[in-house]
Amino acid sequence: MMVSVHVAVGAAIGAGVRKPWLSFVSGAASHLLCDLVPHKDYDIKIEAPLAVAMFAYLIKRYGLNSPQVAGAFGAIAPDGENAAAVLGIIPADSTVFPTHNDKKPWFVGHGSKVPSPIPQIALAIICLALADRGHSEEAGA
């Protein structure tokens, strides 16, 4: 799953959970489910700027301590080990998240590759709309 989509999914979950610590944990759990869905991945040179832009939007809109941002950080936390492997900080075969290393006995699979990012883009847009639920009322209160 594209990192920016993980971010959007985590933000939507955070909006529903409403407690930052639980939003983070729930966001991390969502990473597993998102990785199982067929998806298109991109090189880090594309993924990183999109993720940074998504976080900049969420932080500006909801604030750094919001459940939306906590959920988004949780949703990408498992990819920290992927980033460390890509950067050569850790060996690639030492990743432990259940969708990241098919050599581990707890590997649960990974979504098949699809040619188009359109379904992921649609999911991200829907999740950003869901992340906004209740925000207008809170901002006005």
C-alpha atoms as a PDB file:
ATOM      1  CA  MET A   1       0.000   0.000   0.000  1.00  0.00           C
ATOM      2  CA  MET A   2       1.251   3.480  -0.750  1.00  0.00           C
ATOM      3  CA  VAL A   3       2.551   5.152   2.415  1.00  0.00           C
ATOM      4  CA  SER A   4       0.288   8.156   1.879  1.00  0.00           C
ATOM      5  CA  VAL A   5      -2.722   5.827   1.804  1.00  0.00           C
ATOM      6  CA  HIS A   6      -1.614   4.227   5.074  1.00  0.00           C
ATOM      7  CA  VAL A   7      -1.457   7.789   6.462  1.00  0.00           C
ATOM      8  CA  ALA A   8      -4.995   8.593   5.281  1.00  0.00           C
ATOM      9  CA  VAL A   9      -6.404   5.314   6.625  1.00  0.00           C
ATOM     10  CA  GLY A  10      -4.725   5.925   9.988  1.00  0.00           C
ATOM     11  CA  ALA A  11      -6.144   9.452  10.128  1.00  0.00           C
ATOM     12  CA  ALA A  12      -9.664   8.165   9.503  1.00  0.00           C
ATOM     13  CA  ILE A  13      -9.268   5.545  12.211  1.00  0.00           C
ATOM     14  CA  GLY A  14      -7.920   8.174  14.590  1.00  0.00           C
ATOM     15  CA  ALA A  15     -10.947  10.361  13.995  1.00  0.00           C
ATOM     16  CA  GLY A  16     -13.199   7.476  14.936  1.00  0.00           C
ATOM     17  CA  VAL A  17     -11.196   6.318  17.951  1.00  0.00           C
ATOM     18  CA  ARG A  18     -10.626   9.868  19.281  1.00  0.00           C
ATOM     19  CA  LYS A  19      -7.950   8.944  21.842  1.00  0.00           C
ATOM     20  CA  PRO A  20      -4.430   9.608  20.511  1.00  0.00           C
ATOM     21  CA  TRP A  21      -2.725   6.611  22.142  1.00  0.00           C
ATOM     22  CA  LEU A  22      -5.446   4.209  21.015  1.00  0.00           C
ATOM     23  CA  SER A  23      -5.476   5.880  17.598  1.00  0.00           C
ATOM     24  CA  PHE A  24      -1.755   5.125  17.240  1.00  0.00           C
ATOM     25  CA  VAL A  25      -2.237   1.454  18.144  1.00  0.00           C
ATOM     26  CA  SER A  26      -5.290   1.136  15.900  1.00  0.00           C
ATOM     27  CA  GLY A  27      -3.432   2.827  13.059  1.00  0.00           C
ATOM     28  CA  ALA A  28      -0.581   0.319  13.426  1.00  0.00           C
ATOM     29  CA  ALA A  29      -3.073  -2.550  13.270  1.00  0.00           C
ATOM     30  CA  SER A  30      -4.590  -1.056  10.110  1.00  0.00           C
ATOM     31  CA  HIS A  31      -1.206  -1.355   8.408  1.00  0.00           C
ATOM     32  CA  LEU A  32      -1.561  -5.125   8.380  1.00  0.00           C
ATOM     33  CA  LEU A  33      -4.997  -5.011   6.757  1.00  0.00           C
ATOM     34  CA  CYS A  34      -3.936  -2.437   4.171  1.00  0.00           C
ATOM     35  CA  ASP A  35      -0.885  -4.494   3.222  1.00  0.00           C
ATOM     36  CA  LEU A  36      -3.113  -7.498   2.498  1.00  0.00           C
ATOM     37  CA  VAL A  37      -5.218  -5.618  -0.071  1.00  0.00           C
ATOM     38  CA  PRO A  38      -4.006  -5.772  -3.695  1.00  0.00           C
ATOM     39  CA  HIS A  39      -2.132  -2.526  -4.354  1.00  0.00           C
ATOM     40  CA  LYS A  40       0.553  -0.676  -6.262  1.00  0.00           C
ATOM     41  CA  ASP A  41       3.747   0.368  -4.478  1.00  0.00           C
ATOM     42  CA  TYR A  42       6.112   3.078  -5.648  1.00  0.00           C
ATOM     43  CA  ASP A  43       9.779   3.879  -5.135  1.00  0.00           C
ATOM     44  CA  ILE A  44      10.661   5.770  -1.961  1.00  0.00           C
ATOM     45  CA  LYS A  45      11.472   8.842  -4.107  1.00  0.00           C
ATOM     46  CA  ILE A  46       7.750   9.075  -4.902  1.00  0.00           C
ATOM     47  CA  GLU A  47       6.380   7.709  -1.634  1.00  0.00           C
ATOM     48  CA  ALA A  48       8.322   9.958   0.776  1.00  0.00           C
ATOM     49  CA  PRO A  49       7.225  13.354  -0.613  1.00  0.00           C
ATOM     50  CA  LEU A  50       3.599  12.191  -0.796  1.00  0.00           C
ATOM     51  CA  ALA A  51       3.697  11.014   2.812  1.00  0.00           C
ATOM     52  CA  VAL A  52       5.330  14.252   3.983  1.00  0.00           C
ATOM     53  CA  ALA A  53       2.667  16.274   2.164  1.00  0.00           C
ATOM     54  CA  MET A  54      -0.088  14.177   3.716  1.00  0.00           C
ATOM     55  CA  PHE A  55       1.355  14.664   7.207  1.00  0.00           C
ATOM     56  CA  ALA A  56       1.776  18.399   6.633  1.00  0.00           C
ATOM     57  CA  TYR A  57      -1.898  18.610   5.691  1.00  0.00           C
ATOM     58  CA  LEU A  58      -3.045  16.574   8.707  1.00  0.00           C
ATOM     59  CA  ILE A  59      -0.903  18.515  11.179  1.00  0.00           C
ATOM     60  CA  LYS A  60      -2.064  21.868   9.798  1.00  0.00           C
ATOM     61  CA  ARG A  61      -5.713  20.793   9.763  1.00  0.00           C
ATOM     62  CA  TYR A  62      -5.962  18.883  13.062  1.00  0.00           C
ATOM     63  CA  GLY A  63      -2.844  19.683  15.083  1.00  0.00           C
ATOM     64  CA  LEU A  64       0.156  17.575  15.998  1.00  0.00           C
ATOM     65  CA  ASN A  65      -1.527  16.072  19.090  1.00  0.00           C
ATOM     66  CA  SER A  66      -4.756  15.119  17.332  1.00  0.00           C
ATOM     67  CA  PRO A  67      -6.040  11.555  17.144  1.00  0.00           C
ATOM     68  CA  GLN A  68      -5.946  11.861  13.327  1.00  0.00           C
ATOM     69  CA  VAL A  69      -2.196  12.489  13.357  1.00  0.00           C
ATOM     70  CA  ALA A  70      -1.611   9.811  16.018  1.00  0.00           C
ATOM     71  CA  GLY A  71      -3.506   7.280  13.903  1.00  0.00           C
ATOM     72  CA  ALA A  72      -1.537   8.296  10.816  1.00  0.00           C
ATOM     73  CA  PHE A  73       1.795   7.879  12.624  1.00  0.00           C
ATOM     74  CA  GLY A  74       0.692   4.490  13.906  1.00  0.00           C
ATOM     75  CA  ALA A  75      -0.345   3.436  10.414  1.00  0.00           C
ATOM     76  CA  ILE A  76       3.130   4.042   9.022  1.00  0.00           C
ATOM     77  CA  ALA A  77       5.105   2.909  12.065  1.00  0.00           C
ATOM     78  CA  PRO A  78       5.509  -0.649  10.683  1.00  0.00           C
ATOM     79  CA  ASP A  79       7.130   0.788   7.557  1.00  0.00           C
ATOM     80  CA  GLY A  80       9.920   2.142   9.734  1.00  0.00           C
ATOM     81  CA  GLU A  81      11.558  -1.259   9.517  1.00  0.00           C
ATOM     82  CA  ASN A  82      11.153  -1.273   5.733  1.00  0.00           C
ATOM     83  CA  ALA A  83      12.813   2.134   5.542  1.00  0.00           C
ATOM     84  CA  ALA A  84      15.649   0.904   7.757  1.00  0.00           C
ATOM     85  CA  ALA A  85      16.139  -2.110   5.468  1.00  0.00           C
ATOM     86  CA  VAL A  86      16.058  -0.007   2.278  1.00  0.00           C
ATOM     87  CA  LEU A  87      18.607   2.382   3.792  1.00  0.00           C
ATOM     88  CA  GLY A  88      20.846  -0.527   4.802  1.00  0.00           C
ATOM     89  CA  ILE A  89      20.493   0.186   8.535  1.00  0.00           C
ATOM     90  CA  ILE A  90      19.202  -3.328   9.163  1.00  0.00           C
ATOM     91  CA  PRO A  91      19.403  -6.440   6.964  1.00  0.00           C
ATOM     92  CA  ALA A  92      16.292  -6.872   4.820  1.00  0.00           C
ATOM     93  CA  ASP A  93      15.760 -10.397   6.152  1.00  0.00           C
ATOM     94  CA  SER A  94      15.512  -9.098   9.725  1.00  0.00           C
ATOM     95  CA  THR A  95      12.179  -7.302   9.234  1.00  0.00           C
ATOM     96  CA  VAL A  96       9.495  -8.777  11.497  1.00  0.00           C
ATOM     97  CA  PHE A  97       6.143  -7.181  10.615  1.00  0.00           C
ATOM     98  CA  PRO A  98       3.772  -9.979   9.467  1.00  0.00           C
ATOM     99  CA  THR A  99       3.464  -8.660   5.885  1.00  0.00           C
ATOM    100  CA  HIS A 100       7.085  -7.589   5.380  1.00  0.00           C
ATOM    101  CA  ASN A 101       9.216 -10.739   5.403  1.00  0.00           C
ATOM    102  CA  ASP A 102       8.111 -13.939   3.720  1.00  0.00           C
ATOM    103  CA  LYS A 103      10.972 -15.847   5.417  1.00  0.00           C
ATOM    104  CA  LYS A 104       9.375 -15.523   8.859  1.00  0.00           C
ATOM    105  CA  PRO A 105       6.957 -18.229  10.065  1.00  0.00           C
ATOM    106  CA  TRP A 106       4.362 -15.584  10.979  1.00  0.00           C
ATOM    107  CA  PHE A 107       4.286 -14.076   7.480  1.00  0.00           C
ATOM    108  CA  VAL A 108       0.626 -13.661   6.502  1.00  0.00           C
ATOM    109  CA  GLY A 109       1.109 -12.628   2.904  1.00  0.00           C
ATOM    110  CA  HIS A 110       1.093  -9.362   1.051  1.00  0.00           C
ATOM    111  CA  GLY A 111      -1.415  -7.953  -1.389  1.00  0.00           C
ATOM    112  CA  SER A 112      -0.820  -8.768  -5.005  1.00  0.00           C
ATOM    113  CA  LYS A 113       0.513  -6.068  -7.289  1.00  0.00           C
ATOM    114  CA  VAL A 114      -1.997  -4.158  -9.394  1.00  0.00           C
ATOM    115  CA  PRO A 115      -1.174  -1.834 -12.285  1.00  0.00           C
ATOM    116  CA  SER A 116      -3.206   1.189 -11.238  1.00  0.00           C
ATOM    117  CA  PRO A 117      -3.097   3.346  -8.108  1.00  0.00           C
ATOM    118  CA  ILE A 118      -6.664   4.609  -8.725  1.00  0.00           C
ATOM    119  CA  PRO A 119      -8.355   2.385  -6.098  1.00  0.00           C
ATOM    120  CA  GLN A 120      -5.792   3.514  -3.509  1.00  0.00           C
ATOM    121  CA  ILE A 121      -6.289   7.151  -4.420  1.00  0.00           C
ATOM    122  CA  ALA A 122     -10.044   6.708  -4.010  1.00  0.00           C
ATOM    123  CA  LEU A 123      -9.502   5.039  -0.632  1.00  0.00           C
ATOM    124  CA  ALA A 124      -7.254   7.903   0.491  1.00  0.00           C
ATOM    125  CA  ILE A 125      -9.845  10.520  -0.505  1.00  0.00           C
ATOM    126  CA  ILE A 126     -12.616   8.657   1.324  1.00  0.00           C
ATOM    127  CA  CYS A 127     -10.418   8.271   4.409  1.00  0.00           C
ATOM    128  CA  LEU A 128      -9.508  11.970   4.421  1.00  0.00           C
ATOM    129  CA  ALA A 129     -13.217  12.795   4.344  1.00  0.00           C
ATOM    130  CA  LEU A 130     -13.806  10.372   7.232  1.00  0.00           C
ATOM    131  CA  ALA A 131     -10.904  11.905   9.161  1.00  0.00           C
ATOM    132  CA  ASP A 132     -12.797  15.179   9.073  1.00  0.00           C
ATOM    133  CA  ARG A 133     -15.922  13.805  10.747  1.00  0.00           C
ATOM    134  CA  GLY A 134     -16.738  15.821  13.814  1.00  0.00           C
ATOM    135  CA  HIS A 135     -13.875  18.258  13.172  1.00  0.00           C
ATOM    136  CA  SER A 136     -16.118  21.169  12.131  1.00  0.00           C
ATOM    137  CA  GLU A 137     -18.163  20.875  15.308  1.00  0.00           C
ATOM    138  CA  GLU A 138     -15.012  20.624  17.466  1.00  0.00           C
ATOM    139  CA  ALA A 139     -13.398  23.606  15.759  1.00  0.00           C
ATOM    140  CA  GLY A 140     -16.498  25.727  16.268  1.00  0.00           C
ATOM    141  CA  ALA A 141     -16.941  24.738  19.897  1.00  0.00           C
END
